[in-house]
Amino acid sequence: MIWMRADMKGKPNAIDEMLECHSEILRQSRRLEEALEGFRKGGSREDLRLTLDVFLLFTRTTLKLHKRDEEELLFPCLADAGFPGKDLERLMAEHEEFSALDELVGLARDFGKGGAPAMDARLMESLGKLKAHMKEEEDVIFSMAREKLSEKDMEKISERMKALRG
């Protein structure tokens, strides 16, 4: 699913939508972690491969769109509202690191038995960084957006998010 609630009532709220997307990212990450753990304990490679396929599709659709929403819609508004540019640049650099996650998942999907522990560790590390990044966005970025951006700004971001999804 390309994330955007279809049942929004009242005025759209971009931050609520981004938080919903974060919740879905966490659900997908947990599924992948559980599949990796199951494989480590002797689970089937095919079950892991299926989970990796789903996560790979997720990174190439929903996660990619979420990244665009933040970088092209939210971050510029925050910069205009006075959020420090160096902090936004750091967050965008982290986004670039997460862009490589789909490549890592793709590699993990095709790993050989000898490469499994190293690939597993790299995936778990990347998922941990992704979670920490989202927590910072929720605690700092989204809070500042709610405080500093006008209702009109938020509506504009929401409408643009909706339009980009067709």
N, C-alpha and C. Protein backbone atom coordinates (compact mmCIF):
# COMPACT_ATOMS: atom_id res chain seq x y z
N MET A 1 0.84 -1.18 0.00
CA MET A 1 0.00 0.00 0.00
C MET A 1 0.88 1.24 0.00
N ILE A 2 0.56 2.17 -0.83
CA ILE A 2 1.23 3.47 -0.82
C ILE A 2 0.48 4.30 0.21
N TRP A 3 1.15 4.60 1.29
CA TRP A 3 0.49 5.06 2.48
C TRP A 3 -0.12 6.45 2.36
N MET A 4 -1.39 6.52 2.59
CA MET A 4 -2.14 7.75 2.78
C MET A 4 -3.53 7.29 3.14
N ARG A 5 -4.00 7.66 4.28
CA ARG A 5 -5.33 7.21 4.69
C ARG A 5 -6.38 7.74 3.73
N ALA A 6 -7.24 6.86 3.30
CA ALA A 6 -8.30 7.25 2.38
C ALA A 6 -9.51 7.78 3.13
N ASP A 7 -9.59 7.50 4.43
CA ASP A 7 -10.79 7.83 5.19
C ASP A 7 -10.63 9.10 6.02
N MET A 8 -9.75 10.00 5.58
CA MET A 8 -9.53 11.21 6.36
C MET A 8 -10.82 12.02 6.46
N LYS A 9 -11.17 12.38 7.68
CA LYS A 9 -12.35 13.20 7.90
C LYS A 9 -11.87 14.58 8.34
N GLY A 10 -12.58 15.60 7.96
CA GLY A 10 -12.17 16.94 8.33
C GLY A 10 -10.96 17.37 7.51
N LYS A 11 -10.24 18.32 8.05
CA LYS A 11 -9.08 18.86 7.34
C LYS A 11 -7.92 17.89 7.42
N PRO A 12 -7.18 17.77 6.32
CA PRO A 12 -6.02 16.88 6.32
C PRO A 12 -4.95 17.40 7.28
N ASN A 13 -4.23 16.49 7.90
CA ASN A 13 -3.15 16.86 8.79
C ASN A 13 -1.90 16.07 8.38
N ALA A 14 -0.96 16.78 7.80
CA ALA A 14 0.25 16.15 7.26
C ALA A 14 1.03 15.40 8.33
N ILE A 15 1.14 15.95 9.52
CA ILE A 15 1.92 15.31 10.57
C ILE A 15 1.26 14.01 11.01
N ASP A 16 -0.05 14.01 11.15
CA ASP A 16 -0.74 12.76 11.50
C ASP A 16 -0.51 11.70 10.44
N GLU A 17 -0.53 12.12 9.19
CA GLU A 17 -0.28 11.17 8.10
C GLU A 17 1.14 10.62 8.17
N MET A 18 2.11 11.49 8.45
CA MET A 18 3.50 11.04 8.55
C MET A 18 3.69 10.11 9.75
N LEU A 19 2.99 10.41 10.84
CA LEU A 19 3.05 9.51 12.01
C LEU A 19 2.44 8.15 11.69
N GLU A 20 1.35 8.14 10.94
CA GLU A 20 0.75 6.86 10.51
C GLU A 20 1.74 6.07 9.67
N CYS A 21 2.44 6.76 8.81
CA CYS A 21 3.44 6.10 7.98
C CYS A 21 4.57 5.55 8.85
N HIS A 22 5.00 6.30 9.85
CA HIS A 22 6.02 5.80 10.77
C HIS A 22 5.53 4.52 11.45
N SER A 23 4.27 4.49 11.84
CA SER A 23 3.72 3.29 12.46
C SER A 23 3.80 2.09 11.51
N GLU A 24 3.51 2.32 10.26
CA GLU A 24 3.60 1.24 9.27
C GLU A 24 5.04 0.81 9.05
N ILE A 25 5.96 1.77 9.03
CA ILE A 25 7.38 1.44 8.88
C ILE A 25 7.82 0.56 10.06
N LEU A 26 7.38 0.91 11.27
CA LEU A 26 7.74 0.11 12.44
C LEU A 26 7.15 -1.29 12.35
N ARG A 27 5.91 -1.41 11.90
CA ARG A 27 5.30 -2.74 11.74
C ARG A 27 6.09 -3.58 10.74
N GLN A 28 6.43 -3.00 9.61
CA GLN A 28 7.18 -3.74 8.60
C GLN A 28 8.58 -4.10 9.10
N SER A 29 9.20 -3.20 9.84
CA SER A 29 10.53 -3.47 10.40
C SER A 29 10.46 -4.62 11.40
N ARG A 30 9.44 -4.61 12.26
CA ARG A 30 9.28 -5.70 13.23
C ARG A 30 9.09 -7.04 12.54
N ARG A 31 8.28 -7.04 11.47
CA ARG A 31 8.08 -8.29 10.72
C ARG A 31 9.40 -8.82 10.17
N LEU A 32 10.22 -7.92 9.66
CA LEU A 32 11.51 -8.34 9.12
C LEU A 32 12.43 -8.84 10.24
N GLU A 33 12.46 -8.12 11.35
CA GLU A 33 13.28 -8.58 12.48
C GLU A 33 12.84 -9.96 12.96
N GLU A 34 11.53 -10.17 13.06
CA GLU A 34 11.02 -11.47 13.49
C GLU A 34 11.38 -12.57 12.49
N ALA A 35 11.32 -12.26 11.21
CA ALA A 35 11.69 -13.25 10.19
C ALA A 35 13.18 -13.58 10.27
N LEU A 36 14.01 -12.57 10.49
CA LEU A 36 15.45 -12.80 10.63
C LEU A 36 15.72 -13.67 11.85
N GLU A 37 15.05 -13.36 12.96
CA GLU A 37 15.21 -14.15 14.18
C GLU A 37 14.74 -15.60 13.96
N GLY A 38 13.61 -15.75 13.29
CA GLY A 38 13.11 -17.10 12.99
C GLY A 38 14.08 -17.89 12.14
N PHE A 39 14.67 -17.23 11.17
CA PHE A 39 15.64 -17.91 10.30
C PHE A 39 16.87 -18.32 11.11
N ARG A 40 17.31 -17.42 12.00
CA ARG A 40 18.46 -17.74 12.86
C ARG A 40 18.20 -18.97 13.72
N LYS A 41 16.94 -19.16 14.09
CA LYS A 41 16.56 -20.29 14.95
C LYS A 41 16.17 -21.52 14.15
N GLY A 42 16.47 -21.51 12.85
CA GLY A 42 16.21 -22.70 12.04
C GLY A 42 14.99 -22.62 11.15
N GLY A 43 14.37 -21.44 11.06
CA GLY A 43 13.21 -21.27 10.20
C GLY A 43 13.58 -21.40 8.73
N SER A 44 12.57 -21.47 7.92
CA SER A 44 12.82 -21.71 6.50
C SER A 44 13.36 -20.46 5.80
N ARG A 45 14.25 -20.71 4.88
CA ARG A 45 14.82 -19.64 4.07
C ARG A 45 13.72 -19.02 3.20
N GLU A 46 12.77 -19.84 2.76
CA GLU A 46 11.70 -19.33 1.90
C GLU A 46 10.81 -18.33 2.66
N ASP A 47 10.53 -18.60 3.94
CA ASP A 47 9.75 -17.65 4.75
C ASP A 47 10.49 -16.32 4.87
N LEU A 48 11.79 -16.40 5.12
CA LEU A 48 12.59 -15.18 5.20
C LEU A 48 12.60 -14.45 3.87
N ARG A 49 12.77 -15.19 2.79
CA ARG A 49 12.81 -14.57 1.46
C ARG A 49 11.49 -13.86 1.16
N LEU A 50 10.37 -14.45 1.52
CA LEU A 50 9.07 -13.82 1.30
C LEU A 50 8.96 -12.52 2.09
N THR A 51 9.39 -12.55 3.34
CA THR A 51 9.36 -11.33 4.16
C THR A 51 10.28 -10.27 3.58
N LEU A 52 11.45 -10.68 3.13
CA LEU A 52 12.37 -9.73 2.49
C LEU A 52 11.75 -9.14 1.23
N ASP A 53 11.04 -9.95 0.44
CA ASP A 53 10.38 -9.44 -0.77
C ASP A 53 9.34 -8.38 -0.42
N VAL A 54 8.55 -8.64 0.62
CA VAL A 54 7.52 -7.67 1.04
C VAL A 54 8.19 -6.39 1.52
N PHE A 55 9.26 -6.52 2.31
CA PHE A 55 9.94 -5.34 2.82
C PHE A 55 10.59 -4.56 1.68
N LEU A 56 11.14 -5.27 0.72
CA LEU A 56 11.76 -4.62 -0.43
C LEU A 56 10.72 -3.80 -1.20
N LEU A 57 9.57 -4.37 -1.44
CA LEU A 57 8.49 -3.63 -2.11
C LEU A 57 8.09 -2.41 -1.27
N PHE A 58 8.01 -2.60 0.03
CA PHE A 58 7.66 -1.51 0.93
C PHE A 58 8.68 -0.37 0.84
N THR A 59 9.99 -0.70 0.82
CA THR A 59 11.00 0.35 0.77
C THR A 59 10.95 1.10 -0.56
N ARG A 60 10.56 0.40 -1.61
CA ARG A 60 10.55 1.03 -2.94
C ARG A 60 9.27 1.80 -3.23
N THR A 61 8.30 1.69 -2.36
CA THR A 61 7.04 2.42 -2.56
C THR A 61 6.80 3.36 -1.38
N THR A 62 6.25 2.83 -0.32
CA THR A 62 5.83 3.65 0.81
C THR A 62 6.99 4.42 1.43
N LEU A 63 8.09 3.76 1.71
CA LEU A 63 9.22 4.44 2.35
C LEU A 63 9.79 5.53 1.44
N LYS A 64 9.85 5.24 0.16
CA LYS A 64 10.35 6.22 -0.81
C LYS A 64 9.44 7.45 -0.85
N LEU A 65 8.13 7.24 -0.86
CA LEU A 65 7.19 8.36 -0.87
C LEU A 65 7.26 9.16 0.43
N HIS A 66 7.40 8.46 1.54
CA HIS A 66 7.49 9.13 2.83
C HIS A 66 8.72 10.03 2.88
N LYS A 67 9.82 9.53 2.39
CA LYS A 67 11.06 10.30 2.32
C LYS A 67 10.83 11.57 1.48
N ARG A 68 10.17 11.41 0.35
CA ARG A 68 9.89 12.56 -0.51
C ARG A 68 8.98 13.57 0.20
N ASP A 69 7.96 13.07 0.91
CA ASP A 69 7.06 13.96 1.64
C ASP A 69 7.85 14.84 2.61
N GLU A 70 8.77 14.22 3.33
CA GLU A 70 9.54 14.98 4.30
C GLU A 70 10.50 15.95 3.61
N GLU A 71 11.27 15.45 2.67
CA GLU A 71 12.33 16.26 2.06
C GLU A 71 11.79 17.38 1.18
N GLU A 72 10.76 17.10 0.41
CA GLU A 72 10.28 18.10 -0.55
C GLU A 72 9.14 18.96 -0.02
N LEU A 73 8.43 18.48 0.99
CA LEU A 73 7.27 19.22 1.46
C LEU A 73 7.45 19.76 2.88
N LEU A 74 7.81 18.89 3.82
CA LEU A 74 7.90 19.32 5.22
C LEU A 74 9.18 20.09 5.52
N PHE A 75 10.33 19.55 5.15
CA PHE A 75 11.60 20.18 5.50
C PHE A 75 11.72 21.62 4.97
N PRO A 76 11.33 21.90 3.73
CA PRO A 76 11.41 23.31 3.28
C PRO A 76 10.53 24.26 4.11
N CYS A 77 9.35 23.80 4.50
CA CYS A 77 8.49 24.63 5.35
C CYS A 77 9.14 24.88 6.71
N LEU A 78 9.78 23.83 7.25
CA LEU A 78 10.46 23.99 8.53
C LEU A 78 11.65 24.94 8.41
N ALA A 79 12.37 24.85 7.31
CA ALA A 79 13.50 25.76 7.09
C ALA A 79 13.00 27.21 7.05
N ASP A 80 11.88 27.42 6.35
CA ASP A 80 11.29 28.76 6.29
C ASP A 80 10.85 29.25 7.67
N ALA A 81 10.48 28.29 8.54
CA ALA A 81 10.02 28.65 9.89
C ALA A 81 11.17 28.79 10.87
N GLY A 82 12.42 28.62 10.38
CA GLY A 82 13.57 28.86 11.24
C GLY A 82 14.25 27.62 11.81
N PHE A 83 13.85 26.44 11.39
CA PHE A 83 14.53 25.23 11.87
C PHE A 83 15.95 25.23 11.32
N PRO A 84 16.95 24.91 12.15
CA PRO A 84 18.35 24.98 11.70
C PRO A 84 18.64 24.13 10.47
N GLY A 85 19.21 24.78 9.46
CA GLY A 85 19.52 24.09 8.21
C GLY A 85 20.46 22.92 8.38
N LYS A 86 21.43 23.03 9.30
CA LYS A 86 22.39 21.93 9.49
C LYS A 86 21.69 20.68 10.01
N ASP A 87 20.66 20.85 10.82
CA ASP A 87 19.92 19.70 11.33
C ASP A 87 19.09 19.04 10.22
N LEU A 88 18.51 19.87 9.36
CA LEU A 88 17.76 19.32 8.23
C LEU A 88 18.70 18.61 7.26
N GLU A 89 19.87 19.18 7.05
CA GLU A 89 20.87 18.53 6.18
C GLU A 89 21.28 17.17 6.74
N ARG A 90 21.45 17.08 8.05
CA ARG A 90 21.82 15.81 8.68
C ARG A 90 20.70 14.78 8.50
N LEU A 91 19.47 15.21 8.69
CA LEU A 91 18.33 14.30 8.51
C LEU A 91 18.25 13.81 7.06
N MET A 92 18.51 14.71 6.12
CA MET A 92 18.48 14.32 4.72
C MET A 92 19.62 13.36 4.40
N ALA A 93 20.77 13.55 5.03
CA ALA A 93 21.89 12.60 4.84
C ALA A 93 21.50 11.23 5.38
N GLU A 94 20.80 11.20 6.49
CA GLU A 94 20.32 9.92 7.03
C GLU A 94 19.32 9.30 6.05
N HIS A 95 18.49 10.11 5.45
CA HIS A 95 17.55 9.60 4.44
C HIS A 95 18.31 8.91 3.31
N GLU A 96 19.41 9.52 2.89
CA GLU A 96 20.21 8.91 1.82
C GLU A 96 20.74 7.54 2.24
N GLU A 97 21.15 7.45 3.49
CA GLU A 97 21.62 6.17 4.01
C GLU A 97 20.49 5.13 3.96
N PHE A 98 19.28 5.55 4.28
CA PHE A 98 18.15 4.62 4.25
C PHE A 98 17.72 4.28 2.83
N SER A 99 18.09 5.13 1.88
CA SER A 99 17.80 4.81 0.48
C SER A 99 18.54 3.55 0.06
N ALA A 100 19.67 3.30 0.71
CA ALA A 100 20.45 2.09 0.39
C ALA A 100 19.85 0.85 1.06
N LEU A 101 18.85 1.03 1.90
CA LEU A 101 18.24 -0.11 2.59
C LEU A 101 17.63 -1.10 1.62
N ASP A 102 17.00 -0.60 0.56
CA ASP A 102 16.40 -1.54 -0.39
C ASP A 102 17.47 -2.37 -1.10
N GLU A 103 18.64 -1.77 -1.34
CA GLU A 103 19.74 -2.54 -1.93
C GLU A 103 20.22 -3.62 -0.96
N LEU A 104 20.33 -3.26 0.31
CA LEU A 104 20.76 -4.21 1.32
C LEU A 104 19.75 -5.35 1.46
N VAL A 105 18.46 -5.01 1.45
CA VAL A 105 17.43 -6.05 1.54
C VAL A 105 17.50 -6.95 0.31
N GLY A 106 17.71 -6.35 -0.86
CA GLY A 106 17.84 -7.14 -2.09
C GLY A 106 19.02 -8.09 -2.02
N LEU A 107 20.14 -7.62 -1.50
CA LEU A 107 21.30 -8.49 -1.34
C LEU A 107 21.01 -9.60 -0.34
N ALA A 108 20.35 -9.24 0.76
CA ALA A 108 20.03 -10.24 1.78
C ALA A 108 19.12 -11.32 1.22
N ARG A 109 18.25 -10.93 0.32
CA ARG A 109 17.31 -11.88 -0.27
C ARG A 109 18.06 -12.98 -1.01
N ASP A 110 19.19 -12.65 -1.58
CA ASP A 110 19.94 -13.60 -2.40
C ASP A 110 21.18 -14.14 -1.71
N PHE A 111 21.29 -13.93 -0.39
CA PHE A 111 22.53 -14.34 0.27
C PHE A 111 22.70 -15.86 0.26
N GLY A 112 23.97 -16.26 0.35
CA GLY A 112 24.29 -17.68 0.53
C GLY A 112 24.39 -17.97 2.01
N LYS A 113 24.37 -19.22 2.37
CA LYS A 113 24.39 -19.60 3.78
C LYS A 113 25.59 -19.02 4.52
N GLY A 114 26.76 -18.95 3.87
CA GLY A 114 27.95 -18.44 4.52
C GLY A 114 27.86 -16.96 4.83
N GLY A 115 27.06 -16.20 4.08
CA GLY A 115 26.97 -14.75 4.28
C GLY A 115 25.84 -14.34 5.19
N ALA A 116 25.05 -15.27 5.65
CA ALA A 116 23.86 -14.93 6.42
C ALA A 116 24.13 -14.13 7.68
N PRO A 117 25.06 -14.53 8.57
CA PRO A 117 25.24 -13.76 9.81
C PRO A 117 25.65 -12.31 9.58
N ALA A 118 26.57 -12.07 8.65
CA ALA A 118 27.00 -10.70 8.38
C ALA A 118 25.86 -9.87 7.80
N MET A 119 25.11 -10.45 6.88
CA MET A 119 23.99 -9.72 6.27
C MET A 119 22.91 -9.45 7.31
N ASP A 120 22.65 -10.43 8.15
CA ASP A 120 21.68 -10.30 9.23
C ASP A 120 22.07 -9.13 10.13
N ALA A 121 23.33 -9.07 10.52
CA ALA A 121 23.81 -8.00 11.40
C ALA A 121 23.67 -6.63 10.73
N ARG A 122 24.00 -6.55 9.46
CA ARG A 122 23.89 -5.27 8.74
C ARG A 122 22.43 -4.83 8.65
N LEU A 123 21.54 -5.76 8.38
CA LEU A 123 20.12 -5.42 8.31
C LEU A 123 19.61 -4.95 9.67
N MET A 124 19.95 -5.68 10.72
CA MET A 124 19.49 -5.31 12.05
C MET A 124 20.04 -3.92 12.45
N GLU A 125 21.28 -3.64 12.10
CA GLU A 125 21.87 -2.33 12.38
C GLU A 125 21.13 -1.24 11.62
N SER A 126 20.84 -1.47 10.36
CA SER A 126 20.11 -0.48 9.55
C SER A 126 18.72 -0.25 10.08
N LEU A 127 18.03 -1.31 10.49
CA LEU A 127 16.69 -1.16 11.05
C LEU A 127 16.73 -0.38 12.36
N GLY A 128 17.76 -0.61 13.18
CA GLY A 128 17.92 0.14 14.42
C GLY A 128 18.13 1.62 14.16
N LYS A 129 18.95 1.94 13.17
CA LYS A 129 19.19 3.35 12.81
C LYS A 129 17.90 3.99 12.29
N LEU A 130 17.15 3.24 11.50
CA LEU A 130 15.89 3.75 10.96
C LEU A 130 14.93 4.09 12.10
N LYS A 131 14.83 3.22 13.08
CA LYS A 131 13.94 3.47 14.22
C LYS A 131 14.38 4.70 15.01
N ALA A 132 15.68 4.84 15.25
CA ALA A 132 16.19 6.00 15.99
C ALA A 132 15.91 7.29 15.22
N HIS A 133 16.07 7.23 13.90
CA HIS A 133 15.81 8.39 13.05
C HIS A 133 14.33 8.79 13.16
N MET A 134 13.44 7.81 13.10
CA MET A 134 12.01 8.13 13.18
C MET A 134 11.65 8.70 14.54
N LYS A 135 12.26 8.17 15.60
CA LYS A 135 11.99 8.70 16.93
C LYS A 135 12.38 10.17 17.02
N GLU A 136 13.55 10.50 16.47
CA GLU A 136 13.98 11.90 16.47
C GLU A 136 13.00 12.76 15.69
N GLU A 137 12.57 12.27 14.53
CA GLU A 137 11.59 13.05 13.75
C GLU A 137 10.32 13.27 14.56
N GLU A 138 9.85 12.23 15.22
CA GLU A 138 8.62 12.35 15.99
C GLU A 138 8.78 13.29 17.18
N ASP A 139 9.91 13.15 17.89
CA ASP A 139 10.12 13.95 19.10
C ASP A 139 10.49 15.40 18.81
N VAL A 140 11.20 15.65 17.71
CA VAL A 140 11.71 17.00 17.44
C VAL A 140 11.03 17.62 16.23
N ILE A 141 11.17 16.98 15.08
CA ILE A 141 10.72 17.57 13.82
C ILE A 141 9.20 17.75 13.79
N PHE A 142 8.48 16.67 14.07
CA PHE A 142 7.02 16.77 13.99
C PHE A 142 6.46 17.69 15.06
N SER A 143 7.08 17.68 16.25
CA SER A 143 6.63 18.59 17.31
C SER A 143 6.84 20.04 16.89
N MET A 144 7.99 20.32 16.29
CA MET A 144 8.25 21.69 15.84
C MET A 144 7.28 22.08 14.72
N ALA A 145 7.00 21.14 13.84
CA ALA A 145 6.07 21.43 12.74
C ALA A 145 4.70 21.82 13.30
N ARG A 146 4.23 21.06 14.28
CA ARG A 146 2.92 21.37 14.88
C ARG A 146 2.94 22.75 15.55
N GLU A 147 4.08 23.09 16.13
CA GLU A 147 4.20 24.36 16.85
C GLU A 147 4.39 25.55 15.91
N LYS A 148 5.23 25.39 14.90
CA LYS A 148 5.66 26.52 14.08
C LYS A 148 4.88 26.73 12.78
N LEU A 149 4.33 25.65 12.22
CA LEU A 149 3.66 25.80 10.93
C LEU A 149 2.20 26.16 11.11
N SER A 150 1.72 26.98 10.21
CA SER A 150 0.32 27.39 10.28
C SER A 150 -0.59 26.26 9.79
N GLU A 151 -1.85 26.39 10.11
CA GLU A 151 -2.84 25.41 9.64
C GLU A 151 -2.84 25.39 8.10
N LYS A 152 -2.68 26.56 7.51
CA LYS A 152 -2.64 26.65 6.05
C LYS A 152 -1.44 25.89 5.49
N ASP A 153 -0.27 26.03 6.13
CA ASP A 153 0.93 25.28 5.70
C ASP A 153 0.67 23.78 5.78
N MET A 154 0.09 23.34 6.89
CA MET A 154 -0.17 21.91 7.09
C MET A 154 -1.16 21.39 6.04
N GLU A 155 -2.19 22.16 5.77
CA GLU A 155 -3.15 21.74 4.75
C GLU A 155 -2.49 21.65 3.38
N LYS A 156 -1.64 22.62 3.07
CA LYS A 156 -0.94 22.63 1.79
C LYS A 156 -0.05 21.39 1.65
N ILE A 157 0.66 21.04 2.71
CA ILE A 157 1.51 19.84 2.68
C ILE A 157 0.64 18.60 2.48
N SER A 158 -0.45 18.49 3.22
CA SER A 158 -1.34 17.33 3.10
C SER A 158 -1.92 17.20 1.71
N GLU A 159 -2.38 18.31 1.18
CA GLU A 159 -2.97 18.27 -0.17
C GLU A 159 -1.92 17.88 -1.21
N ARG A 160 -0.72 18.37 -1.04
CA ARG A 160 0.36 18.02 -1.98
C ARG A 160 0.71 16.53 -1.86
N MET A 161 0.74 16.03 -0.62
CA MET A 161 0.99 14.59 -0.41
C MET A 161 -0.05 13.76 -1.16
N LYS A 162 -1.28 14.17 -1.00
CA LYS A 162 -2.40 13.46 -1.63
C LYS A 162 -2.26 13.51 -3.17
N ALA A 163 -1.94 14.69 -3.68
CA ALA A 163 -1.82 14.87 -5.13
C ALA A 163 -0.67 14.03 -5.70
N LEU A 164 0.41 13.93 -4.97
CA LEU A 164 1.57 13.15 -5.45
C LEU A 164 1.26 11.66 -5.55
N ARG A 165 0.24 11.22 -4.85
CA ARG A 165 -0.14 9.80 -4.88
C ARG A 165 -1.21 9.51 -5.91
N GLY A 166 -1.70 10.57 -6.55
CA GLY A 166 -2.68 10.40 -7.62
C GLY A 166 -3.98 10.05 -7.12
